[in-house]
Amino acid sequence: MSTSEYTKVYSGNFVVVTRLKSELENTGIIPIIKDEGESQRLAGYGSMNQGFQEVFVHNDELDKAVAIVERVKGEMEA
């Protein structure tokens, strides 16, 4: 079983991910954005997940990142 130093904190559309990325970076957290749809497109395959992305953060920053994700999600839903 493999262990990772990163944990997924959010999955969703490009707009919310862009906002989260900005908020995380403003607090010194550098997220990793995984975009399967873009990877598939660049490889020449069609994608059903266009615009769907995942945000990962280092486990050392997980607690701080989760709080930011929850705050942003709340603001975006309001």
N, C-alpha and C. Protein backbone atom coordinates (compact mmCIF):
# COMPACT_ATOMS: atom_id res chain seq x y z
N MET A 1 0.85 -1.18 0.00
CA MET A 1 0.00 0.00 0.00
C MET A 1 0.89 1.24 0.00
N SER A 2 0.60 2.15 -0.87
CA SER A 2 1.40 3.36 -0.95
C SER A 2 0.82 4.45 -0.05
N THR A 3 1.71 5.25 0.47
CA THR A 3 1.28 6.39 1.26
C THR A 3 1.66 7.65 0.51
N SER A 4 0.83 8.64 0.66
CA SER A 4 1.07 9.89 -0.04
C SER A 4 1.29 11.01 0.96
N GLU A 5 2.05 11.97 0.54
CA GLU A 5 2.28 13.15 1.37
C GLU A 5 1.22 14.21 1.13
N TYR A 6 0.29 13.94 0.21
CA TYR A 6 -0.74 14.91 -0.16
C TYR A 6 -2.13 14.31 0.03
N THR A 7 -3.08 15.18 0.36
CA THR A 7 -4.47 14.77 0.58
C THR A 7 -5.38 15.66 -0.24
N LYS A 8 -6.39 15.03 -0.85
CA LYS A 8 -7.38 15.79 -1.62
C LYS A 8 -8.30 16.53 -0.65
N VAL A 9 -8.45 17.85 -0.88
CA VAL A 9 -9.30 18.66 -0.02
C VAL A 9 -10.55 19.16 -0.73
N TYR A 10 -10.56 19.05 -2.06
CA TYR A 10 -11.73 19.53 -2.81
C TYR A 10 -11.76 18.92 -4.20
N SER A 11 -12.97 18.66 -4.69
CA SER A 11 -13.21 18.25 -6.07
C SER A 11 -14.35 19.10 -6.58
N GLY A 12 -14.17 19.69 -7.76
CA GLY A 12 -15.26 20.50 -8.28
C GLY A 12 -14.88 21.21 -9.55
N ASN A 13 -15.68 22.23 -9.86
CA ASN A 13 -15.50 22.92 -11.14
C ASN A 13 -14.35 23.93 -11.10
N PHE A 14 -13.96 24.33 -12.26
CA PHE A 14 -12.82 25.22 -12.47
C PHE A 14 -12.95 26.53 -11.70
N VAL A 15 -14.14 27.11 -11.65
CA VAL A 15 -14.34 28.41 -11.01
C VAL A 15 -14.02 28.35 -9.52
N VAL A 16 -14.56 27.35 -8.84
CA VAL A 16 -14.33 27.22 -7.40
C VAL A 16 -12.86 26.86 -7.14
N VAL A 17 -12.31 25.97 -7.96
CA VAL A 17 -10.91 25.57 -7.78
C VAL A 17 -9.98 26.77 -7.94
N THR A 18 -10.25 27.63 -8.90
CA THR A 18 -9.43 28.82 -9.10
C THR A 18 -9.48 29.72 -7.87
N ARG A 19 -10.64 29.89 -7.31
CA ARG A 19 -10.79 30.71 -6.08
C ARG A 19 -10.05 30.07 -4.92
N LEU A 20 -10.21 28.74 -4.76
CA LEU A 20 -9.51 28.05 -3.68
C LEU A 20 -8.00 28.16 -3.82
N LYS A 21 -7.52 27.99 -5.04
CA LYS A 21 -6.08 28.08 -5.29
C LYS A 21 -5.55 29.45 -4.86
N SER A 22 -6.28 30.49 -5.22
CA SER A 22 -5.88 31.85 -4.85
C SER A 22 -5.86 32.03 -3.33
N GLU A 23 -6.91 31.58 -2.66
CA GLU A 23 -7.00 31.73 -1.20
C GLU A 23 -5.91 30.93 -0.50
N LEU A 24 -5.66 29.72 -0.96
CA LEU A 24 -4.62 28.89 -0.35
C LEU A 24 -3.25 29.54 -0.54
N GLU A 25 -2.96 30.00 -1.75
CA GLU A 25 -1.67 30.63 -2.01
C GLU A 25 -1.48 31.90 -1.20
N ASN A 26 -2.56 32.63 -0.94
CA ASN A 26 -2.46 33.85 -0.13
C ASN A 26 -2.04 33.56 1.31
N THR A 27 -2.25 32.32 1.77
CA THR A 27 -1.85 31.95 3.13
C THR A 27 -0.55 31.13 3.14
N GLY A 28 0.09 31.04 1.98
CA GLY A 28 1.37 30.33 1.91
C GLY A 28 1.27 28.85 1.60
N ILE A 29 0.07 28.37 1.30
CA ILE A 29 -0.11 26.95 0.95
C ILE A 29 -0.09 26.84 -0.57
N ILE A 30 0.77 25.97 -1.08
CA ILE A 30 0.85 25.77 -2.53
C ILE A 30 0.11 24.48 -2.87
N PRO A 31 -1.10 24.59 -3.45
CA PRO A 31 -1.88 23.40 -3.76
C PRO A 31 -1.42 22.75 -5.07
N ILE A 32 -1.76 21.49 -5.22
CA ILE A 32 -1.57 20.78 -6.48
C ILE A 32 -2.95 20.61 -7.08
N ILE A 33 -3.10 21.03 -8.32
CA ILE A 33 -4.38 20.94 -9.02
C ILE A 33 -4.28 19.80 -10.03
N LYS A 34 -5.19 18.83 -9.90
CA LYS A 34 -5.22 17.69 -10.81
C LYS A 34 -6.42 17.87 -11.74
N ASP A 35 -6.16 17.86 -13.03
CA ASP A 35 -7.21 18.06 -14.04
C ASP A 35 -7.16 16.89 -15.02
N GLU A 36 -7.90 15.83 -14.71
CA GLU A 36 -7.92 14.64 -15.56
C GLU A 36 -8.44 14.96 -16.96
N GLY A 37 -9.43 15.82 -17.06
CA GLY A 37 -10.00 16.17 -18.36
C GLY A 37 -8.97 16.81 -19.26
N GLU A 38 -8.19 17.72 -18.74
CA GLU A 38 -7.16 18.38 -19.53
C GLU A 38 -6.06 17.40 -19.92
N SER A 39 -5.71 16.52 -19.00
CA SER A 39 -4.69 15.50 -19.32
C SER A 39 -5.17 14.60 -20.44
N GLN A 40 -6.42 14.21 -20.39
CA GLN A 40 -6.98 13.35 -21.43
C GLN A 40 -7.03 14.09 -22.77
N ARG A 41 -7.40 15.35 -22.73
CA ARG A 41 -7.47 16.14 -23.96
C ARG A 41 -6.09 16.26 -24.59
N LEU A 42 -5.09 16.56 -23.78
CA LEU A 42 -3.73 16.71 -24.30
C LEU A 42 -3.18 15.40 -24.86
N ALA A 43 -3.66 14.28 -24.33
CA ALA A 43 -3.21 12.98 -24.82
C ALA A 43 -3.98 12.54 -26.07
N GLY A 44 -5.00 13.32 -26.45
CA GLY A 44 -5.76 13.01 -27.65
C GLY A 44 -7.02 12.20 -27.42
N TYR A 45 -7.44 12.09 -26.16
CA TYR A 45 -8.65 11.35 -25.84
C TYR A 45 -9.78 12.32 -25.52
N GLY A 46 -11.00 11.89 -25.71
CA GLY A 46 -12.15 12.70 -25.31
C GLY A 46 -12.31 12.65 -23.80
N SER A 47 -12.99 13.62 -23.26
CA SER A 47 -13.16 13.67 -21.81
C SER A 47 -14.58 14.03 -21.44
N MET A 48 -15.10 13.30 -20.48
CA MET A 48 -16.42 13.61 -19.94
C MET A 48 -16.30 14.53 -18.72
N ASN A 49 -15.09 14.74 -18.25
CA ASN A 49 -14.86 15.51 -17.03
C ASN A 49 -14.27 16.88 -17.30
N GLN A 50 -14.56 17.47 -18.43
CA GLN A 50 -13.99 18.77 -18.76
C GLN A 50 -14.41 19.80 -17.72
N GLY A 51 -13.44 20.50 -17.16
CA GLY A 51 -13.72 21.53 -16.16
C GLY A 51 -13.77 21.01 -14.74
N PHE A 52 -13.66 19.70 -14.55
CA PHE A 52 -13.68 19.10 -13.21
C PHE A 52 -12.24 18.93 -12.74
N GLN A 53 -11.94 19.47 -11.57
CA GLN A 53 -10.57 19.43 -11.06
C GLN A 53 -10.56 19.00 -9.60
N GLU A 54 -9.39 18.57 -9.14
CA GLU A 54 -9.20 18.18 -7.75
C GLU A 54 -8.06 19.01 -7.16
N VAL A 55 -8.20 19.36 -5.89
CA VAL A 55 -7.19 20.16 -5.20
C VAL A 55 -6.58 19.29 -4.10
N PHE A 56 -5.25 19.20 -4.12
CA PHE A 56 -4.50 18.46 -3.10
C PHE A 56 -3.57 19.42 -2.37
N VAL A 57 -3.37 19.15 -1.07
CA VAL A 57 -2.41 19.93 -0.29
C VAL A 57 -1.51 18.97 0.49
N HIS A 58 -0.35 19.46 0.87
CA HIS A 58 0.59 18.66 1.67
C HIS A 58 -0.05 18.37 3.02
N ASN A 59 0.18 17.17 3.53
CA ASN A 59 -0.42 16.76 4.80
C ASN A 59 -0.05 17.68 5.96
N ASP A 60 1.11 18.31 5.92
CA ASP A 60 1.51 19.23 6.98
C ASP A 60 0.62 20.47 7.04
N GLU A 61 -0.05 20.79 5.93
CA GLU A 61 -0.88 21.99 5.85
C GLU A 61 -2.37 21.65 5.79
N LEU A 62 -2.71 20.39 6.05
CA LEU A 62 -4.07 19.91 5.85
C LEU A 62 -5.10 20.65 6.70
N ASP A 63 -4.87 20.78 7.99
CA ASP A 63 -5.85 21.43 8.88
C ASP A 63 -6.15 22.86 8.44
N LYS A 64 -5.11 23.61 8.16
CA LYS A 64 -5.26 25.00 7.73
C LYS A 64 -6.00 25.06 6.39
N ALA A 65 -5.67 24.14 5.47
CA ALA A 65 -6.29 24.13 4.15
C ALA A 65 -7.77 23.77 4.22
N VAL A 66 -8.11 22.80 5.05
CA VAL A 66 -9.52 22.39 5.18
C VAL A 66 -10.37 23.55 5.68
N ALA A 67 -9.86 24.31 6.62
CA ALA A 67 -10.59 25.47 7.14
C ALA A 67 -10.82 26.49 6.02
N ILE A 68 -9.83 26.71 5.18
CA ILE A 68 -9.97 27.65 4.06
C ILE A 68 -10.98 27.14 3.05
N VAL A 69 -10.93 25.85 2.74
CA VAL A 69 -11.87 25.25 1.79
C VAL A 69 -13.30 25.40 2.29
N GLU A 70 -13.53 25.12 3.56
CA GLU A 70 -14.88 25.24 4.12
C GLU A 70 -15.37 26.69 4.06
N ARG A 71 -14.48 27.63 4.37
CA ARG A 71 -14.87 29.06 4.33
C ARG A 71 -15.24 29.48 2.91
N VAL A 72 -14.41 29.11 1.94
CA VAL A 72 -14.66 29.49 0.55
C VAL A 72 -15.93 28.84 0.04
N LYS A 73 -16.13 27.56 0.35
CA LYS A 73 -17.36 26.88 -0.09
C LYS A 73 -18.58 27.57 0.47
N GLY A 74 -18.51 27.98 1.74
CA GLY A 74 -19.62 28.69 2.36
C GLY A 74 -19.89 30.03 1.68
N GLU A 75 -18.84 30.75 1.35
CA GLU A 75 -18.98 32.04 0.66
C GLU A 75 -19.55 31.85 -0.74
N MET A 76 -19.15 30.80 -1.44
CA MET A 76 -19.61 30.58 -2.81
C MET A 76 -21.07 30.14 -2.84
N GLU A 77 -21.54 29.48 -1.78
CA GLU A 77 -22.92 29.02 -1.72
C GLU A 77 -23.87 30.12 -1.27
N ALA A 78 -23.34 31.13 -0.58
CA ALA A 78 -24.20 32.19 -0.04
C ALA A 78 -24.69 33.12 -1.12
